[in-house]
Amino acid sequence: MKRHVPEESNKSIMAKLTCGSVAGLLGQTITYPLEVVRRQMQVKKLLPSDYAELKGTLKSIVSISQKQGWKQLFSGLRINYIKVVPSVAIGFTVYDTMKSYLRVPSRDEAAVEN
């Protein structure tokens, strides 16, 4: 994402926070169904016997989608955004700022030097 930010804005804190927020939002949205599957597999012994076939991630995703609807795979995602998006944005910004402060070259700069 940082490659798409104009060079003059690349050092701004707002640009870093925005990149971190979008990265957190996209990452959480893509991986959240796996979190739902993990959670349901952990408690499957407490669920009715028709959930006993939750074996394997892909089979579990299909089973949850068929039995509970595909929206169930994203149940609780909005509230999770409140926790994850600011956390990733701040972490990304601190990491990037400290990298600049310590003069650690970016991957692009390191590739050019080699």
PDB file of N, CA and C in Angstrom:
ATOM      1  N   MET A   1       0.810  -1.196   0.000  1.00  0.00           N
ATOM      2  CA  MET A   1       0.000   0.000   0.000  1.00  0.00           C
ATOM      3  C   MET A   1       0.846   1.249   0.000  1.00  0.00           C
ATOM      4  N   LYS A   2       1.953   1.211   0.713  1.00  0.00           N
ATOM      5  CA  LYS A   2       2.799   2.411   0.798  1.00  0.00           C
ATOM      6  C   LYS A   2       3.358   2.809  -0.557  1.00  0.00           C
ATOM      7  N   ARG A   3       3.484   1.856  -1.459  1.00  0.00           N
ATOM      8  CA  ARG A   3       3.996   2.176  -2.792  1.00  0.00           C
ATOM      9  C   ARG A   3       3.042   3.077  -3.564  1.00  0.00           C
ATOM     10  N   HIS A   4       1.774   3.051  -3.215  1.00  0.00           N
ATOM     11  CA  HIS A   4       0.767   3.845  -3.912  1.00  0.00           C
ATOM     12  C   HIS A   4       0.579   5.233  -3.305  1.00  0.00           C
ATOM     13  N   VAL A   5       1.258   5.501  -2.202  1.00  0.00           N
ATOM     14  CA  VAL A   5       1.169   6.819  -1.558  1.00  0.00           C
ATOM     15  C   VAL A   5       2.162   7.743  -2.259  1.00  0.00           C
ATOM     16  N   PRO A   6       1.741   8.955  -2.607  1.00  0.00           N
ATOM     17  CA  PRO A   6       2.679   9.897  -3.240  1.00  0.00           C
ATOM     18  C   PRO A   6       3.912  10.138  -2.370  1.00  0.00           C
ATOM     19  N   GLU A   7       5.039  10.323  -2.992  1.00  0.00           N
ATOM     20  CA  GLU A   7       6.321  10.463  -2.291  1.00  0.00           C
ATOM     21  C   GLU A   7       6.296  11.572  -1.239  1.00  0.00           C
ATOM     22  N   GLU A   8       5.656  12.698  -1.558  1.00  0.00           N
ATOM     23  CA  GLU A   8       5.628  13.829  -0.615  1.00  0.00           C
ATOM     24  C   GLU A   8       4.780  13.534   0.625  1.00  0.00           C
ATOM     25  N   SER A   9       3.856  12.582   0.541  1.00  0.00           N
ATOM     26  CA  SER A   9       3.019  12.220   1.687  1.00  0.00           C
ATOM     27  C   SER A   9       3.516  10.976   2.405  1.00  0.00           C
ATOM     28  N   ASN A  10       4.522  10.333   1.859  1.00  0.00           N
ATOM     29  CA  ASN A  10       4.993   9.050   2.375  1.00  0.00           C
ATOM     30  C   ASN A  10       5.470   9.114   3.819  1.00  0.00           C
ATOM     31  N   LYS A  11       5.998  10.253   4.249  1.00  0.00           N
ATOM     32  CA  LYS A  11       6.537  10.378   5.612  1.00  0.00           C
ATOM     33  C   LYS A  11       5.500  10.846   6.623  1.00  0.00           C
ATOM     34  N   SER A  12       4.316  11.235   6.175  1.00  0.00           N
ATOM     35  CA  SER A  12       3.320  11.783   7.099  1.00  0.00           C
ATOM     36  C   SER A  12       2.717  10.683   7.975  1.00  0.00           C
ATOM     37  N   ILE A  13       2.436  11.062   9.212  1.00  0.00           N
ATOM     38  CA  ILE A  13       1.838  10.137  10.173  1.00  0.00           C
ATOM     39  C   ILE A  13       0.450   9.710   9.705  1.00  0.00           C
ATOM     40  N   MET A  14      -0.308  10.636   9.137  1.00  0.00           N
ATOM     41  CA  MET A  14      -1.661  10.305   8.663  1.00  0.00           C
ATOM     42  C   MET A  14      -1.621   9.263   7.548  1.00  0.00           C
ATOM     43  N   ALA A  15      -0.643   9.380   6.648  1.00  0.00           N
ATOM     44  CA  ALA A  15      -0.523   8.388   5.573  1.00  0.00           C
ATOM     45  C   ALA A  15      -0.194   7.017   6.156  1.00  0.00           C
ATOM     46  N   LYS A  16       0.682   6.988   7.154  1.00  0.00           N
ATOM     47  CA  LYS A  16       1.047   5.720   7.785  1.00  0.00           C
ATOM     48  C   LYS A  16      -0.141   5.117   8.536  1.00  0.00           C
ATOM     49  N   LEU A  17      -0.877   5.971   9.260  1.00  0.00           N
ATOM     50  CA  LEU A  17      -2.060   5.487   9.980  1.00  0.00           C
ATOM     51  C   LEU A  17      -3.119   4.957   9.011  1.00  0.00           C
ATOM     52  N   THR A  18      -3.289   5.655   7.906  1.00  0.00           N
ATOM     53  CA  THR A  18      -4.273   5.222   6.915  1.00  0.00           C
ATOM     54  C   THR A  18      -3.876   3.885   6.293  1.00  0.00           C
ATOM     55  N   CYS A  19      -2.615   3.764   5.918  1.00  0.00           N
ATOM     56  CA  CYS A  19      -2.130   2.492   5.347  1.00  0.00           C
ATOM     57  C   CYS A  19      -2.309   1.355   6.351  1.00  0.00           C
ATOM     58  N   GLY A  20      -1.966   1.607   7.610  1.00  0.00           N
ATOM     59  CA  GLY A  20      -2.128   0.586   8.641  1.00  0.00           C
ATOM     60  C   GLY A  20      -3.585   0.225   8.871  1.00  0.00           C
ATOM     61  N   SER A  21      -4.463   1.226   8.840  1.00  0.00           N
ATOM     62  CA  SER A  21      -5.897   0.971   9.029  1.00  0.00           C
ATOM     63  C   SER A  21      -6.465   0.117   7.909  1.00  0.00           C
ATOM     64  N   VAL A  22      -6.126   0.472   6.683  1.00  0.00           N
ATOM     65  CA  VAL A  22      -6.638  -0.287   5.538  1.00  0.00           C
ATOM     66  C   VAL A  22      -6.076  -1.708   5.552  1.00  0.00           C
ATOM     67  N   ALA A  23      -4.798  -1.843   5.882  1.00  0.00           N
ATOM     68  CA  ALA A  23      -4.188  -3.173   5.954  1.00  0.00           C
ATOM     69  C   ALA A  23      -4.872  -4.023   7.032  1.00  0.00           C
ATOM     70  N   GLY A  24      -5.131  -3.424   8.187  1.00  0.00           N
ATOM     71  CA  GLY A  24      -5.815  -4.142   9.256  1.00  0.00           C
ATOM     72  C   GLY A  24      -7.228  -4.525   8.872  1.00  0.00           C
ATOM     73  N   LEU A  25      -7.929  -3.614   8.220  1.00  0.00           N
ATOM     74  CA  LEU A  25      -9.297  -3.864   7.787  1.00  0.00           C
ATOM     75  C   LEU A  25      -9.358  -5.011   6.784  1.00  0.00           C
ATOM     76  N   LEU A  26      -8.499  -4.962   5.783  1.00  0.00           N
ATOM     77  CA  LEU A  26      -8.490  -6.013   4.763  1.00  0.00           C
ATOM     78  C   LEU A  26      -8.047  -7.355   5.343  1.00  0.00           C
ATOM     79  N   GLY A  27      -6.990  -7.318   6.128  1.00  0.00           N
ATOM     80  CA  GLY A  27      -6.487  -8.555   6.722  1.00  0.00           C
ATOM     81  C   GLY A  27      -7.508  -9.215   7.625  1.00  0.00           C
ATOM     82  N   GLN A  28      -8.186  -8.418   8.444  1.00  0.00           N
ATOM     83  CA  GLN A  28      -9.194  -8.958   9.350  1.00  0.00           C
ATOM     84  C   GLN A  28     -10.393  -9.503   8.579  1.00  0.00           C
ATOM     85  N   THR A  29     -10.804  -8.797   7.542  1.00  0.00           N
ATOM     86  CA  THR A  29     -11.956  -9.240   6.757  1.00  0.00           C
ATOM     87  C   THR A  29     -11.675 -10.571   6.065  1.00  0.00           C
ATOM     88  N   ILE A  30     -10.485 -10.726   5.539  1.00  0.00           N
ATOM     89  CA  ILE A  30     -10.131 -11.943   4.808  1.00  0.00           C
ATOM     90  C   ILE A  30      -9.958 -13.136   5.740  1.00  0.00           C
ATOM     91  N   THR A  31      -9.380 -12.911   6.912  1.00  0.00           N
ATOM     92  CA  THR A  31      -9.077 -14.038   7.800  1.00  0.00           C
ATOM     93  C   THR A  31     -10.153 -14.328   8.839  1.00  0.00           C
ATOM     94  N   TYR A  32     -11.135 -13.463   8.990  1.00  0.00           N
ATOM     95  CA  TYR A  32     -12.139 -13.650  10.035  1.00  0.00           C
ATOM     96  C   TYR A  32     -12.921 -14.964   9.913  1.00  0.00           C
ATOM     97  N   PRO A  33     -13.313 -15.405   8.707  1.00  0.00           N
ATOM     98  CA  PRO A  33     -14.002 -16.700   8.627  1.00  0.00           C
ATOM     99  C   PRO A  33     -13.185 -17.848   9.235  1.00  0.00           C
ATOM    100  N   LEU A  34     -11.873 -17.787   9.126  1.00  0.00           N
ATOM    101  CA  LEU A  34     -11.042 -18.830   9.727  1.00  0.00           C
ATOM    102  C   LEU A  34     -11.117 -18.770  11.251  1.00  0.00           C
ATOM    103  N   GLU A  35     -11.241 -17.575  11.788  1.00  0.00           N
ATOM    104  CA  GLU A  35     -11.404 -17.398  13.237  1.00  0.00           C
ATOM    105  C   GLU A  35     -12.737 -18.005  13.699  1.00  0.00           C
ATOM    106  N   VAL A  36     -13.786 -17.798  12.920  1.00  0.00           N
ATOM    107  CA  VAL A  36     -15.094 -18.371  13.245  1.00  0.00           C
ATOM    108  C   VAL A  36     -15.020 -19.896  13.213  1.00  0.00           C
ATOM    109  N   VAL A  37     -14.373 -20.442  12.207  1.00  0.00           N
ATOM    110  CA  VAL A  37     -14.218 -21.897  12.107  1.00  0.00           C
ATOM    111  C   VAL A  37     -13.425 -22.428  13.301  1.00  0.00           C
ATOM    112  N   ARG A  38     -12.345 -21.769  13.642  1.00  0.00           N
ATOM    113  CA  ARG A  38     -11.524 -22.195  14.788  1.00  0.00           C
ATOM    114  C   ARG A  38     -12.356 -22.204  16.063  1.00  0.00           C
ATOM    115  N   ARG A  39     -13.107 -21.133  16.277  1.00  0.00           N
ATOM    116  CA  ARG A  39     -13.931 -21.016  17.468  1.00  0.00           C
ATOM    117  C   ARG A  39     -14.991 -22.120  17.522  1.00  0.00           C
ATOM    118  N   GLN A  40     -15.645 -22.373  16.388  1.00  0.00           N
ATOM    119  CA  GLN A  40     -16.688 -23.398  16.381  1.00  0.00           C
ATOM    120  C   GLN A  40     -16.113 -24.796  16.534  1.00  0.00           C
ATOM    121  N   MET A  41     -14.924 -25.023  15.987  1.00  0.00           N
ATOM    122  CA  MET A  41     -14.295 -26.336  16.153  1.00  0.00           C
ATOM    123  C   MET A  41     -13.883 -26.554  17.611  1.00  0.00           C
ATOM    124  N   GLN A  42     -13.489 -25.484  18.298  1.00  0.00           N
ATOM    125  CA  GLN A  42     -13.092 -25.613  19.699  1.00  0.00           C
ATOM    126  C   GLN A  42     -14.259 -25.971  20.605  1.00  0.00           C
ATOM    127  N   VAL A  43     -15.434 -25.484  20.253  1.00  0.00           N
ATOM    128  CA  VAL A  43     -16.587 -25.742  21.112  1.00  0.00           C
ATOM    129  C   VAL A  43     -17.545 -26.778  20.515  1.00  0.00           C
ATOM    130  N   LYS A  44     -17.107 -27.521  19.511  1.00  0.00           N
ATOM    131  CA  LYS A  44     -18.021 -28.442  18.821  1.00  0.00           C
ATOM    132  C   LYS A  44     -18.574 -29.514  19.751  1.00  0.00           C
ATOM    133  N   LYS A  45     -17.871 -29.842  20.814  1.00  0.00           N
ATOM    134  CA  LYS A  45     -18.390 -30.843  21.748  1.00  0.00           C
ATOM    135  C   LYS A  45     -19.579 -30.309  22.525  1.00  0.00           C
ATOM    136  N   LEU A  46     -19.680 -28.998  22.638  1.00  0.00           N
ATOM    137  CA  LEU A  46     -20.799 -28.386  23.335  1.00  0.00           C
ATOM    138  C   LEU A  46     -22.004 -28.173  22.418  1.00  0.00           C
ATOM    139  N   LEU A  47     -21.762 -28.259  21.102  1.00  0.00           N
ATOM    140  CA  LEU A  47     -22.829 -28.039  20.124  1.00  0.00           C
ATOM    141  C   LEU A  47     -23.610 -29.320  19.876  1.00  0.00           C
ATOM    142  N   PRO A  48     -24.797 -29.219  19.275  1.00  0.00           N
ATOM    143  CA  PRO A  48     -25.568 -30.429  18.951  1.00  0.00           C
ATOM    144  C   PRO A  48     -24.775 -31.389  18.063  1.00  0.00           C
ATOM    145  N   SER A  49     -25.187 -32.632  18.030  1.00  0.00           N
ATOM    146  CA  SER A  49     -24.445 -33.679  17.325  1.00  0.00           C
ATOM    147  C   SER A  49     -24.347 -33.441  15.823  1.00  0.00           C
ATOM    148  N   ASP A  50     -25.227 -32.622  15.224  1.00  0.00           N
ATOM    149  CA  ASP A  50     -25.142 -32.404  13.781  1.00  0.00           C
ATOM    150  C   ASP A  50     -23.946 -31.532  13.404  1.00  0.00           C
ATOM    151  N   TYR A  51     -23.198 -31.026  14.383  1.00  0.00           N
ATOM    152  CA  TYR A  51     -21.980 -30.271  14.101  1.00  0.00           C
ATOM    153  C   TYR A  51     -20.735 -31.154  14.245  1.00  0.00           C
ATOM    154  N   ALA A  52     -20.923 -32.425  14.503  1.00  0.00           N
ATOM    155  CA  ALA A  52     -19.801 -33.325  14.732  1.00  0.00           C
ATOM    156  C   ALA A  52     -18.940 -33.485  13.493  1.00  0.00           C
ATOM    157  N   GLU A  53     -19.460 -33.139  12.305  1.00  0.00           N
ATOM    158  CA  GLU A  53     -18.677 -33.324  11.080  1.00  0.00           C
ATOM    159  C   GLU A  53     -17.726 -32.155  10.801  1.00  0.00           C
ATOM    160  N   LEU A  54     -17.520 -31.259  11.745  1.00  0.00           N
ATOM    161  CA  LEU A  54     -16.577 -30.157  11.545  1.00  0.00           C
ATOM    162  C   LEU A  54     -15.155 -30.710  11.610  1.00  0.00           C
ATOM    163  N   LYS A  55     -14.697 -31.244  10.484  1.00  0.00           N
ATOM    164  CA  LYS A  55     -13.354 -31.804  10.405  1.00  0.00           C
ATOM    165  C   LYS A  55     -12.652 -31.135   9.245  1.00  0.00           C
ATOM    166  N   GLY A  56     -11.624 -30.404   9.536  1.00  0.00           N
ATOM    167  CA  GLY A  56     -10.891 -29.708   8.495  1.00  0.00           C
ATOM    168  C   GLY A  56     -11.479 -28.333   8.230  1.00  0.00           C
ATOM    169  N   THR A  57     -10.632 -27.421   7.871  1.00  0.00           N
ATOM    170  CA  THR A  57     -11.034 -26.038   7.697  1.00  0.00           C
ATOM    171  C   THR A  57     -12.009 -25.856   6.553  1.00  0.00           C
ATOM    172  N   LEU A  58     -11.678 -26.389   5.395  1.00  0.00           N
ATOM    173  CA  LEU A  58     -12.535 -26.188   4.226  1.00  0.00           C
ATOM    174  C   LEU A  58     -13.906 -26.838   4.411  1.00  0.00           C
ATOM    175  N   LYS A  59     -13.924 -28.063   4.932  1.00  0.00           N
ATOM    176  CA  LYS A  59     -15.198 -28.738   5.181  1.00  0.00           C
ATOM    177  C   LYS A  59     -16.013 -27.975   6.215  1.00  0.00           C
ATOM    178  N   SER A  60     -15.345 -27.411   7.191  1.00  0.00           N
ATOM    179  CA  SER A  60     -16.037 -26.647   8.227  1.00  0.00           C
ATOM    180  C   SER A  60     -16.644 -25.371   7.663  1.00  0.00           C
ATOM    181  N   ILE A  61     -15.917 -24.680   6.791  1.00  0.00           N
ATOM    182  CA  ILE A  61     -16.448 -23.468   6.161  1.00  0.00           C
ATOM    183  C   ILE A  61     -17.706 -23.798   5.363  1.00  0.00           C
ATOM    184  N   VAL A  62     -17.649 -24.875   4.590  1.00  0.00           N
ATOM    185  CA  VAL A  62     -18.809 -25.291   3.791  1.00  0.00           C
ATOM    186  C   VAL A  62     -19.974 -25.679   4.704  1.00  0.00           C
ATOM    187  N   SER A  63     -19.688 -26.440   5.748  1.00  0.00           N
ATOM    188  CA  SER A  63     -20.732 -26.893   6.669  1.00  0.00           C
ATOM    189  C   SER A  63     -21.397 -25.715   7.376  1.00  0.00           C
ATOM    190  N   ILE A  64     -20.607 -24.780   7.867  1.00  0.00           N
ATOM    191  CA  ILE A  64     -21.164 -23.607   8.553  1.00  0.00           C
ATOM    192  C   ILE A  64     -22.010 -22.792   7.582  1.00  0.00           C
ATOM    193  N   SER A  65     -21.513 -22.626   6.354  1.00  0.00           N
ATOM    194  CA  SER A  65     -22.261 -21.862   5.347  1.00  0.00           C
ATOM    195  C   SER A  65     -23.602 -22.523   5.035  1.00  0.00           C
ATOM    196  N   GLN A  66     -23.612 -23.841   4.921  1.00  0.00           N
ATOM    197  CA  GLN A  66     -24.844 -24.544   4.582  1.00  0.00           C
ATOM    198  C   GLN A  66     -25.837 -24.554   5.741  1.00  0.00           C
ATOM    199  N   LYS A  67     -25.343 -24.811   6.947  1.00  0.00           N
ATOM    200  CA  LYS A  67     -26.235 -24.967   8.091  1.00  0.00           C
ATOM    201  C   LYS A  67     -26.663 -23.638   8.704  1.00  0.00           C
ATOM    202  N   GLN A  68     -25.752 -22.661   8.746  1.00  0.00           N
ATOM    203  CA  GLN A  68     -26.033 -21.404   9.441  1.00  0.00           C
ATOM    204  C   GLN A  68     -26.093 -20.207   8.502  1.00  0.00           C
ATOM    205  N   GLY A  69     -25.710 -20.402   7.256  1.00  0.00           N
ATOM    206  CA  GLY A  69     -25.683 -19.298   6.300  1.00  0.00           C
ATOM    207  C   GLY A  69     -24.294 -18.681   6.232  1.00  0.00           C
ATOM    208  N   TRP A  70     -23.946 -18.146   5.075  1.00  0.00           N
ATOM    209  CA  TRP A  70     -22.595 -17.597   4.890  1.00  0.00           C
ATOM    210  C   TRP A  70     -22.350 -16.376   5.763  1.00  0.00           C
ATOM    211  N   LYS A  71     -23.418 -15.678   6.159  1.00  0.00           N
ATOM    212  CA  LYS A  71     -23.248 -14.499   7.013  1.00  0.00           C
ATOM    213  C   LYS A  71     -22.677 -14.861   8.383  1.00  0.00           C
ATOM    214  N   GLN A  72     -22.902 -16.104   8.796  1.00  0.00           N
ATOM    215  CA  GLN A  72     -22.374 -16.555  10.087  1.00  0.00           C
ATOM    216  C   GLN A  72     -20.845 -16.521  10.106  1.00  0.00           C
ATOM    217  N   LEU A  73     -20.232 -16.707   8.942  1.00  0.00           N
ATOM    218  CA  LEU A  73     -18.762 -16.668   8.867  1.00  0.00           C
ATOM    219  C   LEU A  73     -18.211 -15.281   9.188  1.00  0.00           C
ATOM    220  N   PHE A  74     -19.054 -14.263   9.103  1.00  0.00           N
ATOM    221  CA  PHE A  74     -18.627 -12.892   9.386  1.00  0.00           C
ATOM    222  C   PHE A  74     -19.328 -12.315  10.603  1.00  0.00           C
ATOM    223  N   SER A  75     -19.992 -13.164  11.371  1.00  0.00           N
ATOM    224  CA  SER A  75     -20.697 -12.718  12.564  1.00  0.00           C
ATOM    225  C   SER A  75     -19.700 -12.200  13.601  1.00  0.00           C
ATOM    226  N   GLY A  76     -19.889 -10.970  14.033  1.00  0.00           N
ATOM    227  CA  GLY A  76     -18.994 -10.364  15.019  1.00  0.00           C
ATOM    228  C   GLY A  76     -17.840  -9.593  14.412  1.00  0.00           C
ATOM    229  N   LEU A  77     -17.776  -9.534  13.096  1.00  0.00           N
ATOM    230  CA  LEU A  77     -16.655  -8.858  12.434  1.00  0.00           C
ATOM    231  C   LEU A  77     -16.651  -7.359  12.695  1.00  0.00           C
ATOM    232  N   ARG A  78     -17.819  -6.727  12.646  1.00  0.00           N
ATOM    233  CA  ARG A  78     -17.869  -5.273  12.838  1.00  0.00           C
ATOM    234  C   ARG A  78     -17.335  -4.860  14.196  1.00  0.00           C
ATOM    235  N   ILE A  79     -17.720  -5.570  15.232  1.00  0.00           N
ATOM    236  CA  ILE A  79     -17.234  -5.229  16.569  1.00  0.00           C
ATOM    237  C   ILE A  79     -15.737  -5.515  16.687  1.00  0.00           C
ATOM    238  N   ASN A  80     -15.268  -6.507  15.953  1.00  0.00           N
ATOM    239  CA  ASN A  80     -13.848  -6.832  15.967  1.00  0.00           C
ATOM    240  C   ASN A  80     -13.019  -5.739  15.286  1.00  0.00           C
ATOM    241  N   TYR A  81     -13.616  -5.059  14.299  1.00  0.00           N
ATOM    242  CA  TYR A  81     -12.929  -3.940  13.657  1.00  0.00           C
ATOM    243  C   TYR A  81     -12.538  -2.872  14.672  1.00  0.00           C
ATOM    244  N   ILE A  82     -13.393  -2.647  15.660  1.00  0.00           N
ATOM    245  CA  ILE A  82     -13.132  -1.614  16.669  1.00  0.00           C
ATOM    246  C   ILE A  82     -11.843  -1.907  17.413  1.00  0.00           C
ATOM    247  N   LYS A  83     -11.542  -3.165  17.605  1.00  0.00           N
ATOM    248  CA  LYS A  83     -10.331  -3.566  18.317  1.00  0.00           C
ATOM    249  C   LYS A  83      -9.123  -3.648  17.388  1.00  0.00           C
ATOM    250  N   VAL A  84      -9.296  -4.277  16.248  1.00  0.00           N
ATOM    251  CA  VAL A  84      -8.161  -4.623  15.396  1.00  0.00           C
ATOM    252  C   VAL A  84      -7.644  -3.457  14.551  1.00  0.00           C
ATOM    253  N   VAL A  85      -8.536  -2.713  13.920  1.00  0.00           N
ATOM    254  CA  VAL A  85      -8.111  -1.675  12.978  1.00  0.00           C
ATOM    255  C   VAL A  85      -7.232  -0.616  13.659  1.00  0.00           C
ATOM    256  N   PRO A  86      -7.635  -0.034  14.795  1.00  0.00           N
ATOM    257  CA  PRO A  86      -6.738   0.934  15.438  1.00  0.00           C
ATOM    258  C   PRO A  86      -5.426   0.309  15.908  1.00  0.00           C
ATOM    259  N   SER A  87      -5.504  -0.918  16.382  1.00  0.00           N
ATOM    260  CA  SER A  87      -4.300  -1.599  16.859  1.00  0.00           C
ATOM    261  C   SER A  87      -3.283  -1.798  15.739  1.00  0.00           C
ATOM    262  N   VAL A  88      -3.742  -2.265  14.591  1.00  0.00           N
ATOM    263  CA  VAL A  88      -2.841  -2.480  13.459  1.00  0.00           C
ATOM    264  C   VAL A  88      -2.323  -1.148  12.933  1.00  0.00           C
ATOM    265  N   ALA A  89      -3.180  -0.138  12.879  1.00  0.00           N
ATOM    266  CA  ALA A  89      -2.768   1.178  12.394  1.00  0.00           C
ATOM    267  C   ALA A  89      -1.663   1.756  13.270  1.00  0.00           C
ATOM    268  N   ILE A  90      -1.834   1.676  14.581  1.00  0.00           N
ATOM    269  CA  ILE A  90      -0.821   2.204  15.501  1.00  0.00           C
ATOM    270  C   ILE A  90       0.449   1.380  15.418  1.00  0.00           C
ATOM    271  N   GLY A  91       0.316   0.066  15.403  1.00  0.00           N
ATOM    272  CA  GLY A  91       1.502  -0.798  15.299  1.00  0.00           C
ATOM    273  C   GLY A  91       2.283  -0.548  14.024  1.00  0.00           C
ATOM    274  N   PHE A  92       1.578  -0.427  12.918  1.00  0.00           N
ATOM    275  CA  PHE A  92       2.223  -0.154  11.631  1.00  0.00           C
ATOM    276  C   PHE A  92       2.949   1.187  11.660  1.00  0.00           C
ATOM    277  N   THR A  93       2.286   2.197  12.214  1.00  0.00           N
ATOM    278  CA  THR A  93       2.866   3.537  12.256  1.00  0.00           C
ATOM    279  C   THR A  93       4.104   3.580  13.138  1.00  0.00           C
ATOM    280  N   VAL A  94       4.030   2.979  14.318  1.00  0.00           N
ATOM    281  CA  VAL A  94       5.187   2.958  15.221  1.00  0.00           C
ATOM    282  C   VAL A  94       6.345   2.197  14.574  1.00  0.00           C
ATOM    283  N   TYR A  95       6.042   1.052  13.976  1.00  0.00           N
ATOM    284  CA  TYR A  95       7.088   0.261  13.317  1.00  0.00           C
ATOM    285  C   TYR A  95       7.760   1.062  12.210  1.00  0.00           C
ATOM    286  N   ASP A  96       6.967   1.670  11.359  1.00  0.00           N
ATOM    287  CA  ASP A  96       7.507   2.415  10.220  1.00  0.00           C
ATOM    288  C   ASP A  96       8.285   3.648  10.680  1.00  0.00           C
ATOM    289  N   THR A  97       7.764   4.335  11.693  1.00  0.00           N
ATOM    290  CA  THR A  97       8.443   5.522  12.217  1.00  0.00           C
ATOM    291  C   THR A  97       9.776   5.139  12.863  1.00  0.00           C
ATOM    292  N   MET A  98       9.785   4.077  13.639  1.00  0.00           N
ATOM    293  CA  MET A  98      11.034   3.642  14.284  1.00  0.00           C
ATOM    294  C   MET A  98      12.041   3.157  13.248  1.00  0.00           C
ATOM    295  N   LYS A  99      11.558   2.520  12.203  1.00  0.00           N
ATOM    296  CA  LYS A  99      12.444   2.083  11.129  1.00  0.00           C
ATOM    297  C   LYS A  99      13.120   3.289  10.476  1.00  0.00           C
ATOM    298  N   SER A 100      12.366   4.349  10.253  1.00  0.00           N
ATOM    299  CA  SER A 100      12.939   5.576   9.685  1.00  0.00           C
ATOM    300  C   SER A 100      13.897   6.227  10.669  1.00  0.00           C
ATOM    301  N   TYR A 101      13.502   6.286  11.929  1.00  0.00           N
ATOM    302  CA  TYR A 101      14.323   6.906  12.966  1.00  0.00           C
ATOM    303  C   TYR A 101      15.664   6.173  13.120  1.00  0.00           C
ATOM    304  N   LEU A 102      15.640   4.858  13.031  1.00  0.00           N
ATOM    305  CA  LEU A 102      16.857   4.057  13.163  1.00  0.00           C
ATOM    306  C   LEU A 102      17.601   3.890  11.839  1.00  0.00           C
ATOM    307  N   ARG A 103      17.059   4.498  10.782  1.00  0.00           N
ATOM    308  CA  ARG A 103      17.654   4.471   9.438  1.00  0.00           C
ATOM    309  C   ARG A 103      17.815   3.043   8.897  1.00  0.00           C
ATOM    310  N   VAL A 104      16.817   2.226   9.131  1.00  0.00           N
ATOM    311  CA  VAL A 104      16.796   0.875   8.569  1.00  0.00           C
ATOM    312  C   VAL A 104      16.241   0.995   7.151  1.00  0.00           C
ATOM    313  N   PRO A 105      16.969   0.513   6.151  1.00  0.00           N
ATOM    314  CA  PRO A 105      16.475   0.660   4.769  1.00  0.00           C
ATOM    315  C   PRO A 105      15.237  -0.200   4.519  1.00  0.00           C
ATOM    316  N   SER A 106      14.363   0.298   3.659  1.00  0.00           N
ATOM    317  CA  SER A 106      13.186  -0.480   3.286  1.00  0.00           C
ATOM    318  C   SER A 106      13.622  -1.622   2.373  1.00  0.00           C
ATOM    319  N   ARG A 107      12.719  -2.534   2.111  1.00  0.00           N
ATOM    320  CA  ARG A 107      13.058  -3.671   1.235  1.00  0.00           C
ATOM    321  C   ARG A 107      13.431  -3.193  -0.162  1.00  0.00           C
ATOM    322  N   ASP A 108      12.731  -2.184  -0.643  1.00  0.00           N
ATOM    323  CA  ASP A 108      13.025  -1.648  -1.980  1.00  0.00           C
ATOM    324  C   ASP A 108      14.428  -1.053  -2.035  1.00  0.00           C
ATOM    325  N   GLU A 109      14.791  -0.297  -0.996  1.00  0.00           N
ATOM    326  CA  GLU A 109      16.120   0.309  -0.948  1.00  0.00           C
ATOM    327  C   GLU A 109      17.210  -0.753  -0.798  1.00  0.00           C
ATOM    328  N   ALA A 110      16.943  -1.778   0.015  1.00  0.00           N
ATOM    329  CA  ALA A 110      17.922  -2.847   0.218  1.00  0.00           C
ATOM    330  C   ALA A 110      18.145  -3.638  -1.068  1.00  0.00           C
ATOM    331  N   ALA A 111      17.078  -3.828  -1.856  1.00  0.00           N
ATOM    332  CA  ALA A 111      17.204  -4.558  -3.122  1.00  0.00           C
ATOM    333  C   ALA A 111      18.031  -3.775  -4.133  1.00  0.00           C
ATOM    334  N   VAL A 112      17.902  -2.458  -4.126  1.00  0.00           N
ATOM    335  CA  VAL A 112      18.663  -1.618  -5.056  1.00  0.00           C
ATOM    336  C   VAL A 112      20.141  -1.644  -4.703  1.00  0.00           C
ATOM    337  N   GLU A 113      20.464  -1.649  -3.397  1.00  0.00           N
ATOM    338  CA  GLU A 113      21.857  -1.654  -2.949  1.00  0.00           C
ATOM    339  C   GLU A 113      22.569  -2.949  -3.292  1.00  0.00           C
ATOM    340  N   ASN A 114      21.840  -4.064  -3.309  1.00  0.00           N
ATOM    341  CA  ASN A 114      22.461  -5.375  -3.576  1.00  0.00           C
ATOM    342  C   ASN A 114      22.612  -5.585  -5.017  1.00  0.00           C
TER     343      ASN A 114
END
